Each structure stands twice: as structure tokens, then as C-alpha cells.
Amino acid sequence: MNKINYLKEFNINFNKIKRLALKIGNTNAIQNEIEKFFETLFSFDNIENNLIYLYIKFINNEINNELFEKINNFKLLKYLYLKNFNFNGDFIIKLNNMKLLSIISCKNIKISKNTNEKLKELNIKNNRTNNNFLNKVNFVELNKLNLEGNGIRSIKKLKNINFKELKVLNLSWNKISDINILEKVNFKELKELDLSWNNISDINILEKVDFKELIELNLVNNISNINILEKVNFKNIYL
């Protein structure tokens, strides 16, 4: 379905829709109309019982977080993408069957500690959030974690998480200065580590970290002492 400028009514009842992608751009609709749209959308029986993939990009004023609580009841939803949402209260995601969760440029979204341990990919980008959720979620099967552009200063909470399957970790565009905690994290399967665009000045700890599988390390735009890299065996290093 292509761009629609003057949609007045939206009804997808009695359809077994498994994938739904919506981009709601700048609109003159009043706030009540926008919230009514989402309320109607999430009330369709076929949505709750059949939807596997949901992508919503939203460009508007803040929206009521309670409207989106219904997403937590979607039994089969495995892939959830939310972009440009400004919730007026905490929207706590509790999905238990999810394999991929992507939250980009959103406000007031939190992850329940009951989120399924089968999550494969977590993308939390440009949310300007803290990283308190890191010690509340079970990441046993996580393959890819993107925390780019969240203003994170400390990554100490990483030591509390079992990252035994993690292969890609992106911590770029944050405010990280100390990476010594990496020595205490299980990164035996990690292949790509992006620490670019931070404030890292000392990378001596990299000599001690167990990076058996690491093939790519990105340290672009840091204030780093690169002499230590002579002692570390990485296939691809970006400075």
C-alpha cells in the first residue's frame, strides 16, 4: 500500500494479516484522531492472533502510552520496530515470543525484565536513554546488540549479563570513556565491536579481554593510545 493522504477510515478486520508496516507522517489530524486510529488498529481480532511482524514509524506529537499496552497481548509477534514515538508515560514492552526488537528515536519506552530469553537482536538507537534495562533482561541467545547514540557514559552493567551468543556489539556515538569492564564480560563469540565516536583514551584493557573470535574493531574518533594494538590480534581495526 503506497502513500495515502486523506484516509478517513481504516478497517482490516477478518483478515489474517501477519505483517504490517505503517509510516504515519506529518499530519493535520488532531491528537484524538491519531489515538483513535491506534486504538481501532490494535482492537482487531486478527491483529492480536496472527500478527508476526509490526513496523510503525510515527511523526507527530506525544501519544498516550496506554494505547500501546495492547501490543503486549499479541501472541505471535516476533519482530517489532518502533520509530519516532514520544510516549507521554512509560510504555513497558513485555513480549515473550519476540526475536527482534528495534526502538529508534523514541521516548519513555522500557523493557520488562520478563522479556523472553530467546531474543536474537536488540536495537536501541538514538533514544537518549540510560542503560538500566541491561541488568533486567535475559540475553542468553542474543546475537546482536545495538546501543548506538544513547548518551551512555558507563557500561559497567555489562558484567551482569550472559552474552555467550553475542556476535555484534555496537556502542558507537555515546559518551563512554572507561572500557575496563570489558575484561569481566563473556565475549567469547563476539566478532564485531564498535566503540567509535566515544571518549575512550585508554585501551590497554583490550590486551586482556578474551576476544577469540573478534574480526572487526572500530575505534574511530576516540582519543586512544593505539600502541597496545601491536599486541592484539584482530583482522580488521578501524582508527
Protein backbone atom coordinates (compact mmCIF):
# COMPACT_ATOMS: atom_id res chain seq x y z
CA MET A 1 0.00 0.00 0.00
CA ASN A 2 1.52 3.31 -1.07
CA LYS A 3 1.19 6.81 0.32
CA ILE A 4 -2.36 7.81 1.33
CA ASN A 5 -3.00 11.43 2.19
CA TYR A 6 -6.70 11.59 3.07
CA LEU A 7 -7.54 8.31 4.79
CA LYS A 8 -10.67 8.66 6.91
CA GLU A 9 -11.37 5.05 7.87
CA PHE A 10 -9.11 2.03 8.28
CA ASN A 11 -10.56 -1.46 8.72
CA ILE A 12 -8.63 -4.70 8.37
CA ASN A 13 -10.92 -6.92 10.41
CA PHE A 14 -11.43 -10.56 9.39
CA ASN A 15 -8.03 -10.71 7.67
CA LYS A 16 -5.24 -12.99 8.82
CA ILE A 17 -2.54 -10.37 8.45
CA LYS A 18 0.91 -11.49 9.53
CA ARG A 19 2.98 -8.44 8.50
CA LEU A 20 2.03 -4.79 8.94
CA ALA A 21 4.19 -1.73 8.19
CA LEU A 22 2.89 1.79 8.76
CA LYS A 23 4.53 5.16 8.29
CA ILE A 24 2.44 7.97 9.71
CA GLY A 25 3.96 11.25 8.62
CA ASN A 26 3.27 14.87 9.47
CA THR A 27 -0.46 15.24 9.69
CA ASN A 28 -3.01 17.89 10.48
CA ALA A 29 -5.18 15.39 12.34
CA ILE A 30 -5.91 16.32 15.92
CA GLN A 31 -4.43 14.21 18.70
CA ASN A 32 -7.72 12.46 19.44
CA GLU A 33 -8.00 11.26 15.86
CA ILE A 34 -4.48 9.81 15.88
CA GLU A 35 -5.08 7.99 19.15
CA LYS A 36 -8.42 6.72 17.89
CA PHE A 37 -6.65 5.25 14.87
CA PHE A 38 -4.24 3.24 17.00
CA GLU A 39 -6.99 2.20 19.39
CA THR A 40 -9.00 0.81 16.48
CA LEU A 41 -5.98 -0.83 14.86
CA PHE A 42 -4.97 -2.74 17.97
CA SER A 43 -8.54 -3.87 18.70
CA PHE A 44 -8.91 -6.00 15.55
CA ASP A 45 -9.04 -9.68 16.49
CA ASN A 46 -6.89 -10.70 13.55
CA ILE A 47 -4.07 -8.43 14.74
CA GLU A 48 -3.74 -9.99 18.16
CA ASN A 49 -3.94 -13.58 16.97
CA ASN A 50 -1.99 -13.52 13.70
CA LEU A 51 0.49 -10.66 13.51
CA ILE A 52 4.16 -11.70 13.42
CA TYR A 53 5.83 -8.53 12.11
CA LEU A 54 4.94 -4.95 13.08
CA TYR A 55 6.75 -1.80 11.92
CA ILE A 56 5.44 1.68 12.80
CA LYS A 57 7.21 4.94 12.06
CA PHE A 58 5.39 7.83 13.68
CA ILE A 59 5.95 11.58 13.24
CA ASN A 60 3.69 13.58 15.49
CA ASN A 61 3.27 14.96 18.99
CA GLU A 62 3.39 12.80 22.10
CA ILE A 63 0.97 9.90 22.27
CA ASN A 64 -0.74 8.00 25.07
CA ASN A 65 1.41 5.03 26.10
CA GLU A 66 -1.64 3.10 27.36
CA LEU A 67 -2.85 2.63 23.78
CA PHE A 68 0.20 0.54 23.01
CA GLU A 69 -0.12 -1.73 26.02
CA LYS A 70 -2.31 -3.97 23.83
CA ILE A 71 0.78 -4.92 21.81
CA ASN A 72 1.89 -6.98 24.78
CA ASN A 73 -1.08 -9.28 24.14
CA PHE A 74 -0.05 -10.14 20.59
CA LYS A 75 0.54 -13.87 20.89
CA LEU A 76 2.68 -14.47 17.79
CA LEU A 77 4.53 -11.18 17.39
CA LYS A 78 8.24 -11.85 16.85
CA TYR A 79 9.50 -8.69 15.13
CA LEU A 80 8.67 -5.23 16.48
CA TYR A 81 10.02 -1.95 15.10
CA LEU A 82 9.02 1.40 16.65
CA LYS A 83 10.48 4.68 15.42
CA ASN A 84 9.95 8.34 16.41
CA PHE A 85 7.47 7.74 19.23
CA ASN A 86 7.14 10.21 22.08
CA PHE A 87 5.04 8.47 24.70
CA ASN A 88 3.56 10.59 27.47
CA GLY A 89 4.28 7.87 30.02
CA ASP A 90 6.29 4.65 30.34
CA PHE A 91 5.43 2.04 27.72
CA ILE A 92 6.79 -1.25 29.06
CA ILE A 93 7.36 -3.95 26.44
CA LYS A 94 6.58 -7.43 27.76
CA LEU A 95 6.55 -9.54 24.61
CA ASN A 96 7.54 -13.14 25.32
CA ASN A 97 7.92 -14.57 21.81
CA MET A 98 10.00 -11.76 20.38
CA LYS A 99 13.12 -12.45 18.33
CA LEU A 100 13.87 -8.88 17.25
CA LEU A 101 13.10 -5.59 18.98
CA SER A 102 14.07 -2.27 17.41
CA ILE A 103 13.43 1.04 19.20
CA ILE A 104 14.75 4.10 17.36
CA SER A 105 14.42 7.75 18.41
CA CYS A 106 11.71 7.04 20.97
CA LYS A 107 10.95 8.42 24.41
CA ASN A 108 9.68 6.60 27.52
CA ILE A 109 9.99 3.01 26.30
CA LYS A 110 11.20 0.38 28.76
CA ILE A 111 11.82 -3.34 28.51
CA SER A 112 10.25 -5.66 31.04
CA LYS A 113 12.60 -7.98 32.90
CA ASN A 114 10.28 -10.79 31.79
CA THR A 115 11.20 -10.35 28.12
CA ASN A 116 11.88 -13.72 26.51
CA GLU A 117 15.41 -15.10 26.69
CA LYS A 118 15.10 -16.10 23.00
CA LEU A 119 15.56 -12.53 21.79
CA LYS A 120 18.09 -12.62 18.94
CA GLU A 121 18.53 -8.94 18.09
CA LEU A 122 18.03 -5.77 20.16
CA ASN A 123 18.37 -2.36 18.53
CA ILE A 124 18.03 0.61 20.88
CA LYS A 125 19.28 3.61 18.93
CA ASN A 126 19.17 7.38 19.47
CA ASN A 127 16.80 7.21 22.43
CA ARG A 128 18.94 9.24 24.83
CA THR A 129 18.13 6.72 27.50
CA ASN A 130 20.12 5.23 30.34
CA ASN A 131 21.14 1.58 30.20
CA ASN A 132 19.37 0.41 33.35
CA PHE A 133 17.45 -2.19 31.37
CA LEU A 134 20.68 -4.10 30.73
CA ASN A 135 20.61 -5.92 34.05
CA LYS A 136 16.90 -6.72 33.86
CA VAL A 137 16.68 -8.72 30.64
CA ASN A 138 17.86 -12.24 29.91
CA PHE A 139 20.12 -12.07 26.83
CA VAL A 140 21.17 -15.72 26.70
CA GLU A 141 20.52 -16.14 22.95
CA LEU A 142 21.14 -12.55 21.83
CA ASN A 143 23.30 -12.34 18.67
CA LYS A 144 23.28 -8.60 18.02
CA LEU A 145 23.06 -5.63 20.40
CA ASN A 146 23.00 -2.04 19.10
CA LEU A 147 23.12 0.75 21.70
CA GLU A 148 24.25 3.48 19.33
CA GLY A 149 23.63 7.13 20.16
CA ASN A 150 22.03 6.83 23.60
CA GLY A 151 24.37 9.12 25.53
CA ILE A 152 25.66 6.18 27.60
CA ARG A 153 28.56 7.11 29.90
CA SER A 154 29.12 3.82 31.74
CA ILE A 155 28.99 0.21 30.53
CA LYS A 156 29.61 -1.38 33.94
CA LYS A 157 26.25 -3.17 33.84
CA LEU A 158 27.52 -5.35 31.00
CA LYS A 159 29.31 -7.54 33.54
CA ASN A 160 25.95 -8.71 34.94
CA ILE A 161 24.78 -10.17 31.63
CA ASN A 162 25.41 -13.51 29.98
CA PHE A 163 26.39 -12.63 26.41
CA LYS A 164 27.55 -16.12 25.47
CA GLU A 165 25.98 -15.97 21.97
CA LEU A 166 26.62 -12.27 21.21
CA LYS A 167 28.39 -11.73 17.89
CA VAL A 168 27.88 -7.99 17.21
CA LEU A 169 28.04 -5.18 19.79
CA ASN A 170 27.61 -1.55 18.73
CA LEU A 171 28.35 1.08 21.40
CA SER A 172 29.17 3.91 19.00
CA TRP A 173 28.18 7.58 19.34
CA ASN A 174 27.96 7.51 23.13
CA LYS A 175 29.99 9.18 25.90
CA ILE A 176 31.94 6.16 27.09
CA SER A 177 35.40 6.85 28.49
CA ASP A 178 36.21 3.73 30.54
CA ILE A 179 36.11 0.26 28.91
CA ASN A 180 37.97 -1.72 31.61
CA ILE A 181 34.77 -3.62 32.42
CA LEU A 182 35.14 -5.49 29.12
CA GLU A 183 37.64 -7.79 30.82
CA LYS A 184 34.85 -9.20 33.02
CA VAL A 185 32.27 -9.81 30.27
CA ASN A 186 31.83 -13.09 28.40
CA PHE A 187 32.58 -12.12 24.78
CA LYS A 188 33.94 -15.42 23.53
CA GLU A 189 31.72 -15.42 20.42
CA LEU A 190 31.99 -11.70 19.63
CA LYS A 191 33.00 -10.96 16.03
CA GLU A 192 32.34 -7.21 15.72
CA LEU A 193 32.86 -4.48 18.34
CA ASP A 194 32.10 -0.85 17.51
CA LEU A 195 33.37 1.72 20.04
CA SER A 196 33.67 4.60 17.57
CA TRP A 197 32.77 8.19 18.42
CA ASN A 198 33.24 7.92 22.18
CA ASN A 199 35.69 9.46 24.67
CA ILE A 200 37.98 6.46 25.17
CA SER A 201 41.57 7.42 25.98
CA ASP A 202 42.97 4.15 27.35
CA ILE A 203 42.54 0.84 25.51
CA ASN A 204 45.18 -1.21 27.31
CA ILE A 205 42.47 -3.49 28.67
CA LEU A 206 41.92 -4.91 25.16
CA GLU A 207 45.10 -6.94 25.61
CA LYS A 208 43.44 -8.86 28.45
CA VAL A 209 39.95 -9.39 27.03
CA ASP A 210 39.13 -12.87 25.72
CA PHE A 211 38.26 -11.93 22.12
CA LYS A 212 38.85 -15.31 20.50
CA GLU A 213 36.51 -14.71 17.55
CA LEU A 214 36.78 -10.95 17.09
CA ILE A 215 37.48 -9.95 13.48
CA GLU A 216 36.44 -6.27 13.47
CA LEU A 217 37.18 -3.50 15.99
CA ASN A 218 36.12 0.11 15.34
CA LEU A 219 37.78 2.83 17.43
CA VAL A 220 37.25 5.74 15.05
CA ASN A 221 37.17 9.22 16.65
CA ASN A 222 38.43 8.39 20.11
CA ILE A 223 41.44 9.74 22.00
CA SER A 224 43.17 6.39 22.15
CA ASN A 225 46.64 5.14 22.88
CA ILE A 226 46.97 2.87 19.87
CA ASN A 227 50.35 1.38 20.79
CA ILE A 228 48.64 -1.50 22.56
CA LEU A 229 47.13 -2.66 19.27
CA GLU A 230 50.50 -4.09 18.31
CA LYS A 231 49.92 -6.78 20.92
CA VAL A 232 46.33 -7.60 19.93
CA ASN A 233 45.46 -9.86 17.02
CA PHE A 234 42.40 -8.51 15.19
CA LYS A 235 41.83 -8.97 11.48
CA ASN A 236 40.23 -5.57 10.91
CA ILE A 237 40.89 -2.46 13.01
CA TYR A 238 39.44 0.98 12.22
CA LEU A 239 41.00 4.02 13.90
